[in-house]
Amino acid sequence: MFGVETGADIGQAVARNVSQYGNEITSAIAFVLRLAARTARTGEILLNSLPTEQRNEVRRGGLERMRRGLVQTALGTSMMMSSGLKPQNARLMMTAIRDTVADWGLTPPPMNVTES
């Protein structure tokens, strides 16, 4: 994080960075959300293309963890949108949420899922 020294108030540093680098941060988060959605879709395609005997619990578990990560990214994006972003940055992130909802919308949120 830019401008953070040992013992500094992290909350102030985050607020300053979002204020100063908001355009870059929101562009990066929108990209990461879309990338995570694409990765989850590709993982599912890969798993389904394997012979049945190779679709083991380890691979299914990996795909499930990818989905959970996507949900966490989407939830974090939603929470950040309510933190006083510039309207154009909030729109950018909302568009990424809308564009990826089919990929993460049916996955239970992380707080409702037990780790295996």
Protein backbone atom coordinates (compact mmCIF):
# COMPACT_ATOMS: atom_id res chain seq x y z
CA MET A 1 0.00 0.00 0.00
CA PHE A 2 1.38 3.40 -0.95
CA GLY A 3 2.40 5.73 1.86
CA VAL A 4 2.01 3.29 4.76
CA GLU A 5 4.71 3.27 7.36
CA THR A 6 5.07 1.02 10.38
CA GLY A 7 2.53 2.00 13.01
CA ALA A 8 0.48 4.12 10.58
CA ASP A 9 -3.32 4.14 10.64
CA ILE A 10 -4.25 1.64 7.93
CA GLY A 11 -7.78 3.08 7.63
CA GLN A 12 -6.43 6.51 6.77
CA ALA A 13 -3.98 5.04 4.27
CA VAL A 14 -6.74 3.05 2.55
CA ALA A 15 -9.00 6.12 2.38
CA ARG A 16 -6.15 8.22 0.99
CA ASN A 17 -5.23 5.57 -1.60
CA VAL A 18 -8.84 5.12 -2.72
CA SER A 19 -9.21 8.87 -2.99
CA GLN A 20 -5.96 9.35 -4.86
CA TYR A 21 -5.88 6.15 -6.95
CA GLY A 22 -9.60 5.34 -7.18
CA ASN A 23 -9.69 5.16 -10.96
CA GLU A 24 -6.84 2.66 -11.08
CA ILE A 25 -8.11 0.60 -8.15
CA THR A 26 -11.65 0.25 -9.49
CA SER A 27 -10.40 -0.61 -12.99
CA ALA A 28 -8.19 -3.31 -11.51
CA ILE A 29 -10.97 -4.74 -9.33
CA ALA A 30 -13.40 -4.85 -12.26
CA PHE A 31 -10.75 -6.67 -14.30
CA VAL A 32 -10.05 -9.16 -11.48
CA LEU A 33 -13.76 -9.90 -11.08
CA ARG A 34 -14.14 -10.63 -14.79
CA LEU A 35 -10.94 -12.70 -14.81
CA ALA A 36 -12.08 -14.74 -11.79
CA ALA A 37 -15.44 -15.38 -13.48
CA ARG A 38 -13.73 -16.52 -16.66
CA THR A 39 -11.36 -18.75 -14.69
CA ALA A 40 -14.27 -20.40 -12.84
CA ARG A 41 -16.12 -21.04 -16.13
CA THR A 42 -12.98 -22.47 -17.71
CA GLY A 43 -12.37 -24.69 -14.67
CA GLU A 44 -15.86 -26.11 -14.97
CA ILE A 45 -15.40 -26.75 -18.69
CA LEU A 46 -12.11 -28.50 -17.97
CA LEU A 47 -13.60 -30.65 -15.21
CA ASN A 48 -16.54 -31.65 -17.40
CA SER A 49 -14.23 -32.55 -20.28
CA LEU A 50 -12.30 -35.08 -18.20
CA PRO A 51 -13.18 -38.77 -18.26
CA THR A 52 -15.51 -39.65 -15.39
CA GLU A 53 -12.81 -41.52 -13.46
CA GLN A 54 -10.63 -38.38 -13.42
CA ARG A 55 -13.35 -36.13 -11.95
CA ASN A 56 -12.21 -36.81 -8.42
CA GLU A 57 -12.92 -35.02 -5.15
CA VAL A 58 -9.67 -33.06 -5.26
CA ARG A 59 -10.57 -31.54 -8.63
CA ARG A 60 -14.17 -30.89 -7.60
CA GLY A 61 -12.92 -29.29 -4.40
CA GLY A 62 -10.56 -27.04 -6.36
CA LEU A 63 -13.41 -25.89 -8.59
CA GLU A 64 -15.56 -25.20 -5.53
CA ARG A 65 -12.79 -23.12 -3.95
CA MET A 66 -12.50 -21.14 -7.20
CA ARG A 67 -16.25 -20.44 -7.07
CA ARG A 68 -16.04 -19.36 -3.43
CA GLY A 69 -13.18 -17.03 -4.28
CA LEU A 70 -15.28 -15.52 -7.04
CA VAL A 71 -18.16 -14.95 -4.61
CA GLN A 72 -15.79 -13.30 -2.13
CA THR A 73 -14.47 -11.03 -4.88
CA ALA A 74 -18.01 -10.09 -5.90
CA LEU A 75 -19.03 -9.39 -2.28
CA GLY A 76 -15.92 -7.30 -1.70
CA THR A 77 -16.64 -5.37 -4.89
CA SER A 78 -20.19 -4.71 -3.72
CA MET A 79 -18.99 -3.47 -0.34
CA MET A 80 -16.42 -1.18 -1.94
CA MET A 81 -19.11 0.39 -4.15
CA SER A 82 -20.85 1.68 -1.04
CA SER A 83 -17.71 3.41 0.24
CA GLY A 84 -18.15 6.78 -1.47
CA LEU A 85 -16.56 6.10 -4.84
CA LYS A 86 -16.83 8.53 -7.69
CA PRO A 87 -19.99 7.75 -9.70
CA GLN A 88 -18.07 6.65 -12.80
CA ASN A 89 -15.99 4.22 -10.71
CA ALA A 90 -19.07 2.82 -8.98
CA ARG A 91 -20.67 2.31 -12.43
CA LEU A 92 -17.55 0.50 -13.66
CA MET A 93 -17.69 -1.89 -10.73
CA MET A 94 -21.46 -2.33 -10.96
CA THR A 95 -21.10 -3.25 -14.62
CA ALA A 96 -18.51 -5.90 -13.71
CA ILE A 97 -20.91 -7.28 -11.07
CA ARG A 98 -23.75 -7.36 -13.60
CA ASP A 99 -21.58 -8.98 -16.27
CA THR A 100 -20.44 -11.79 -13.96
CA VAL A 101 -23.53 -12.49 -11.83
CA ALA A 102 -24.37 -15.61 -13.86
CA ASP A 103 -21.00 -17.05 -12.83
CA TRP A 104 -21.19 -16.43 -9.08
CA GLY A 105 -24.84 -15.69 -8.31
CA LEU A 106 -25.89 -19.28 -7.57
CA THR A 107 -22.89 -20.12 -5.39
CA PRO A 108 -23.62 -19.87 -1.65
CA PRO A 109 -21.86 -16.95 0.06
CA PRO A 110 -18.71 -17.95 1.98
CA MET A 111 -20.32 -17.43 5.40
CA ASN A 112 -22.88 -20.15 4.56
CA VAL A 113 -20.31 -22.68 3.38
CA THR A 114 -18.20 -24.86 5.63
CA GLU A 115 -14.56 -25.43 4.67
CA SER A 116 -13.72 -29.01 3.80
